Amino acid sequence: MTETPTTDQALAGLQMPLLDAMMTQRAVRRVLPDPVDDAIVLKCIELALRAPTGSNGQNWEFLVIKDPRVKEEFAKRYRQAWSLYGAIGRRVARSDEYQQKMLRAAQWQVDHFTEIPVLVVPCLRAGSRLPYAPNPFVAESSFFGSIYPSVQNLLLAARAMGLGASLITLPLWSVTSARTILELPLSVTPICMVPLGWPRGRYGPTTRKPVEQVTHLDSYRNRAWLS
């Protein structure tokens, strides 16, 4: 098995061309239990902070979880949600080997969740002391739009430094429980979770649909570039 990189080697990976990082980024769920240096985690978050937010509010908070007791609390909730979601997925994908492969990777993450060295929980802080309750939908999409660009920055930084990472939400299915576990005030909402660790496998080119198949001009189904 390849040795995990040193902190200096990982940080040097940030010189990777952006195109290379984008073309090889994937959800990496199987990771080693080896520790990840705080400097590497903080660099991921520092680069996440370079992303734009709505009205430049910069209303983000990032919780880094390393305590085994906290991990176990979220592992319980992950198992609860996966018992339903995973069962549905296996039933739907029983004749699709590609989907089954992804489900096996997710199952591994569920089974080994407490062994993952670092969990990052990106959160958004509301503009008042009231809990987040956006309405109408446009307000909701604007709210979440203030965190997901930063999460993508974090994922790309992790890829460049050779870290395995994935964006998940099932451990946070109960926002009330998540707030209790993390001791969050009502004004701070956990949005997603990014497990980080050195990958057990390796990165490689990803397979995606041709852009012409999913791009529409002016109206839906007008695939003007599809020949």
Protein backbone atom coordinates (compact mmCIF):
# COMPACT_ATOMS: atom_id res chain seq x y z
CA MET A 1 0.00 0.00 0.00
CA THR A 2 1.29 3.45 -0.90
CA GLU A 3 2.45 5.55 2.04
CA THR A 4 0.36 8.58 2.87
CA PRO A 5 1.97 11.86 1.83
CA THR A 6 3.66 14.19 4.27
CA THR A 7 2.01 17.52 5.04
CA ASP A 8 4.47 19.34 2.77
CA GLN A 9 3.84 16.88 -0.06
CA ALA A 10 0.09 17.26 0.29
CA LEU A 11 0.25 21.06 0.31
CA ALA A 12 2.51 20.99 -2.74
CA GLY A 13 -0.28 19.12 -4.53
CA LEU A 14 -2.25 22.37 -4.64
CA GLN A 15 -0.14 23.26 -7.69
CA MET A 16 -2.18 20.68 -9.64
CA PRO A 17 -3.77 22.30 -12.71
CA LEU A 18 -7.44 23.08 -12.07
CA LEU A 19 -8.49 21.10 -15.14
CA ASP A 20 -6.75 17.98 -13.82
CA ALA A 21 -8.47 18.32 -10.45
CA MET A 22 -11.88 18.77 -12.07
CA MET A 23 -11.46 15.89 -14.52
CA THR A 24 -10.40 13.40 -11.82
CA GLN A 25 -12.56 14.51 -8.89
CA ARG A 26 -14.91 11.83 -7.62
CA ALA A 27 -16.63 10.84 -4.39
CA VAL A 28 -14.03 8.79 -2.52
CA ARG A 29 -15.69 6.97 0.38
CA ARG A 30 -13.17 4.25 1.23
CA VAL A 31 -10.40 5.94 3.20
CA LEU A 32 -7.67 4.90 5.60
CA PRO A 33 -7.96 5.52 9.35
CA ASP A 34 -4.57 7.27 9.28
CA PRO A 35 -4.66 10.79 10.75
CA VAL A 36 -4.81 13.87 8.54
CA ASP A 37 -2.69 16.79 9.67
CA ASP A 38 -4.69 19.78 10.92
CA ALA A 39 -2.72 22.03 8.54
CA ILE A 40 -4.13 20.10 5.57
CA VAL A 41 -7.71 20.26 6.87
CA LEU A 42 -7.42 23.96 7.63
CA LYS A 43 -6.00 24.61 4.15
CA CYS A 44 -9.06 22.91 2.65
CA ILE A 45 -11.32 25.18 4.68
CA GLU A 46 -9.21 28.26 3.95
CA LEU A 47 -9.67 27.64 0.23
CA ALA A 48 -13.37 26.97 0.79
CA LEU A 49 -13.62 30.48 2.21
CA ARG A 50 -12.51 31.94 -1.13
CA ALA A 51 -15.86 31.02 -2.69
CA PRO A 52 -18.60 33.66 -3.10
CA THR A 53 -21.64 33.91 -0.84
CA GLY A 54 -24.98 35.64 -1.24
CA SER A 55 -24.57 39.40 -0.69
CA ASN A 56 -21.00 38.56 0.36
CA GLY A 57 -22.49 37.61 3.73
CA GLN A 58 -19.72 35.08 4.46
CA ASN A 59 -22.20 33.53 6.89
CA TRP A 60 -20.50 30.16 7.05
CA GLU A 61 -19.17 28.11 9.92
CA PHE A 62 -17.13 24.90 9.58
CA LEU A 63 -17.04 22.28 12.32
CA VAL A 64 -14.15 19.79 12.23
CA ILE A 65 -14.99 16.53 13.97
CA LYS A 66 -12.27 14.18 15.21
CA ASP A 67 -13.73 13.05 18.56
CA PRO A 68 -14.69 9.34 18.32
CA ARG A 69 -17.75 9.93 20.53
CA VAL A 70 -19.11 12.59 18.21
CA LYS A 71 -18.40 10.40 15.17
CA GLU A 72 -20.34 7.55 16.77
CA GLU A 73 -23.35 9.79 17.35
CA PHE A 74 -23.44 10.66 13.66
CA ALA A 75 -22.69 7.06 12.68
CA LYS A 76 -25.89 5.99 14.47
CA ARG A 77 -27.94 8.47 12.49
CA TYR A 78 -26.19 7.52 9.27
CA ARG A 79 -27.07 3.85 9.85
CA GLN A 80 -30.68 4.77 10.59
CA ALA A 81 -31.07 6.73 7.34
CA TRP A 82 -29.10 4.20 5.28
CA SER A 83 -31.22 1.28 6.49
CA LEU A 84 -34.06 2.82 4.48
CA TYR A 85 -32.24 4.63 1.69
CA GLY A 86 -29.79 1.80 1.02
CA ALA A 87 -32.55 -0.81 0.89
CA ILE A 88 -34.43 1.24 -1.70
CA GLY A 89 -31.24 1.76 -3.70
CA ARG A 90 -30.38 -1.94 -3.76
CA ARG A 91 -33.89 -2.82 -4.89
CA VAL A 92 -33.84 -0.26 -7.70
CA ALA A 93 -30.29 -1.09 -8.82
CA ARG A 94 -30.35 -4.89 -8.55
CA SER A 95 -29.73 -5.26 -12.32
CA ASP A 96 -27.32 -2.31 -12.63
CA GLU A 97 -23.75 -3.27 -11.71
CA TYR A 98 -22.50 0.34 -11.90
CA GLN A 99 -25.11 1.50 -9.40
CA GLN A 100 -24.44 -1.52 -7.20
CA LYS A 101 -20.75 -0.60 -7.14
CA MET A 102 -21.60 2.87 -5.85
CA LEU A 103 -23.96 1.39 -3.25
CA ARG A 104 -21.19 -0.91 -2.01
CA ALA A 105 -18.90 2.08 -1.57
CA ALA A 106 -21.61 3.92 0.38
CA GLN A 107 -22.21 0.80 2.49
CA TRP A 108 -18.49 0.67 3.29
CA GLN A 109 -18.63 4.28 4.45
CA VAL A 110 -21.62 3.54 6.67
CA ASP A 111 -19.92 0.47 8.17
CA HIS A 112 -16.59 2.23 8.79
CA PHE A 113 -17.83 5.74 9.55
CA THR A 114 -16.18 6.03 12.97
CA GLU A 115 -12.81 5.09 11.44
CA ILE A 116 -12.79 8.08 9.09
CA PRO A 117 -10.18 10.46 10.55
CA VAL A 118 -11.93 13.79 9.90
CA LEU A 119 -15.49 14.93 9.29
CA VAL A 120 -16.10 18.51 8.19
CA VAL A 121 -19.59 19.95 8.70
CA PRO A 122 -20.21 23.13 6.69
CA CYS A 123 -22.93 25.26 8.31
CA LEU A 124 -24.75 28.48 7.54
CA ARG A 125 -25.50 31.17 10.07
CA ALA A 126 -28.88 32.88 9.80
CA GLY A 127 -29.15 36.64 9.92
CA SER A 128 -31.10 36.62 13.17
CA ARG A 129 -31.50 34.52 16.29
CA LEU A 130 -34.43 32.68 14.74
CA PRO A 131 -33.90 29.20 13.27
CA TYR A 132 -33.55 28.92 9.51
CA ALA A 133 -36.96 28.57 7.83
CA PRO A 134 -36.72 30.00 4.29
CA ASN A 135 -39.84 30.70 2.31
CA PRO A 136 -40.52 30.84 -0.61
CA PHE A 137 -38.30 28.43 -2.56
CA VAL A 138 -36.21 31.21 -4.07
CA ALA A 139 -35.12 32.19 -0.54
CA GLU A 140 -34.20 28.58 0.18
CA SER A 141 -32.13 28.22 -2.98
CA SER A 142 -30.38 31.51 -2.21
CA PHE A 143 -29.60 30.35 1.32
CA PHE A 144 -28.03 27.05 0.24
CA GLY A 145 -26.25 28.81 -2.60
CA SER A 146 -24.12 30.52 0.02
CA ILE A 147 -22.48 27.25 1.14
CA TYR A 148 -22.22 24.85 -1.79
CA PRO A 149 -19.68 26.87 -3.81
CA SER A 150 -17.41 26.74 -0.76
CA VAL A 151 -17.98 23.00 -0.40
CA GLN A 152 -16.89 22.49 -4.02
CA ASN A 153 -13.76 24.52 -3.32
CA LEU A 154 -13.08 22.27 -0.34
CA LEU A 155 -13.58 19.12 -2.43
CA LEU A 156 -11.26 20.37 -5.18
CA ALA A 157 -8.60 21.30 -2.61
CA ALA A 158 -8.88 17.82 -1.09
CA ARG A 159 -8.52 16.24 -4.54
CA ALA A 160 -5.43 18.29 -5.35
CA MET A 161 -3.78 17.29 -2.07
CA GLY A 162 -4.61 13.63 -2.62
CA LEU A 163 -7.28 13.36 0.06
CA GLY A 164 -10.34 11.21 -0.39
CA ALA A 165 -13.54 13.18 0.15
CA SER A 166 -17.26 12.99 -0.49
CA LEU A 167 -20.29 15.20 0.10
CA ILE A 168 -22.97 13.44 2.17
CA THR A 169 -26.15 14.51 3.98
CA LEU A 170 -27.71 11.36 5.50
CA PRO A 171 -25.92 11.70 8.90
CA LEU A 172 -27.71 15.06 9.21
CA TRP A 173 -31.22 13.79 8.44
CA SER A 174 -32.29 15.08 11.85
CA VAL A 175 -31.21 18.70 12.05
CA THR A 176 -32.42 18.83 15.65
CA SER A 177 -30.17 15.92 16.62
CA ALA A 178 -27.24 17.39 14.69
CA ARG A 179 -27.62 20.70 16.49
CA THR A 180 -27.67 18.91 19.83
CA ILE A 181 -24.60 16.80 19.04
CA LEU A 182 -22.61 19.80 17.80
CA GLU A 183 -24.00 22.22 20.40
CA LEU A 184 -25.15 24.55 17.64
CA PRO A 185 -27.40 27.53 18.35
CA LEU A 186 -30.69 27.74 16.46
CA SER A 187 -29.17 30.43 14.26
CA VAL A 188 -26.62 27.96 12.79
CA THR A 189 -27.80 25.22 10.42
CA PRO A 190 -25.65 22.21 9.44
CA ILE A 191 -25.97 21.78 5.68
CA CYS A 192 -23.88 18.76 4.74
CA MET A 193 -20.89 16.69 5.82
CA VAL A 194 -17.55 16.04 4.10
CA PRO A 195 -15.61 12.99 5.37
CA LEU A 196 -11.86 13.35 4.72
CA GLY A 197 -9.11 10.73 4.72
CA TRP A 198 -6.30 9.28 2.67
CA PRO A 199 -7.87 7.08 -0.04
CA ARG A 200 -7.53 3.31 -0.01
CA GLY A 201 -7.48 3.32 -3.80
CA ARG A 202 -6.39 5.89 -6.34
CA TYR A 203 -7.94 8.66 -8.35
CA GLY A 204 -8.51 8.34 -12.05
CA PRO A 205 -10.53 9.77 -14.95
CA THR A 206 -14.27 9.88 -14.33
CA THR A 207 -17.02 8.79 -16.70
CA ARG A 208 -19.76 11.30 -17.43
CA LYS A 209 -22.50 11.77 -20.01
CA PRO A 210 -21.57 13.83 -23.09
CA VAL A 211 -22.31 17.51 -22.52
CA GLU A 212 -24.55 17.58 -25.59
CA GLN A 213 -26.96 15.11 -23.97
CA VAL A 214 -27.69 17.27 -20.96
CA THR A 215 -27.49 20.79 -22.41
CA HIS A 216 -30.62 22.53 -23.71
CA LEU A 217 -30.85 25.80 -25.63
CA ASP A 218 -33.55 28.30 -24.63
CA SER A 219 -36.09 25.61 -23.75
CA TYR A 220 -36.10 22.09 -22.32
CA ARG A 221 -35.57 19.26 -24.84
CA ASN A 222 -34.05 21.64 -27.39
CA ARG A 223 -30.72 19.83 -27.48
CA ALA A 224 -29.27 22.06 -30.13
CA TRP A 225 -25.76 20.60 -29.85
CA LEU A 226 -26.82 16.95 -30.01
CA SER A 227 -26.10 15.52 -33.44
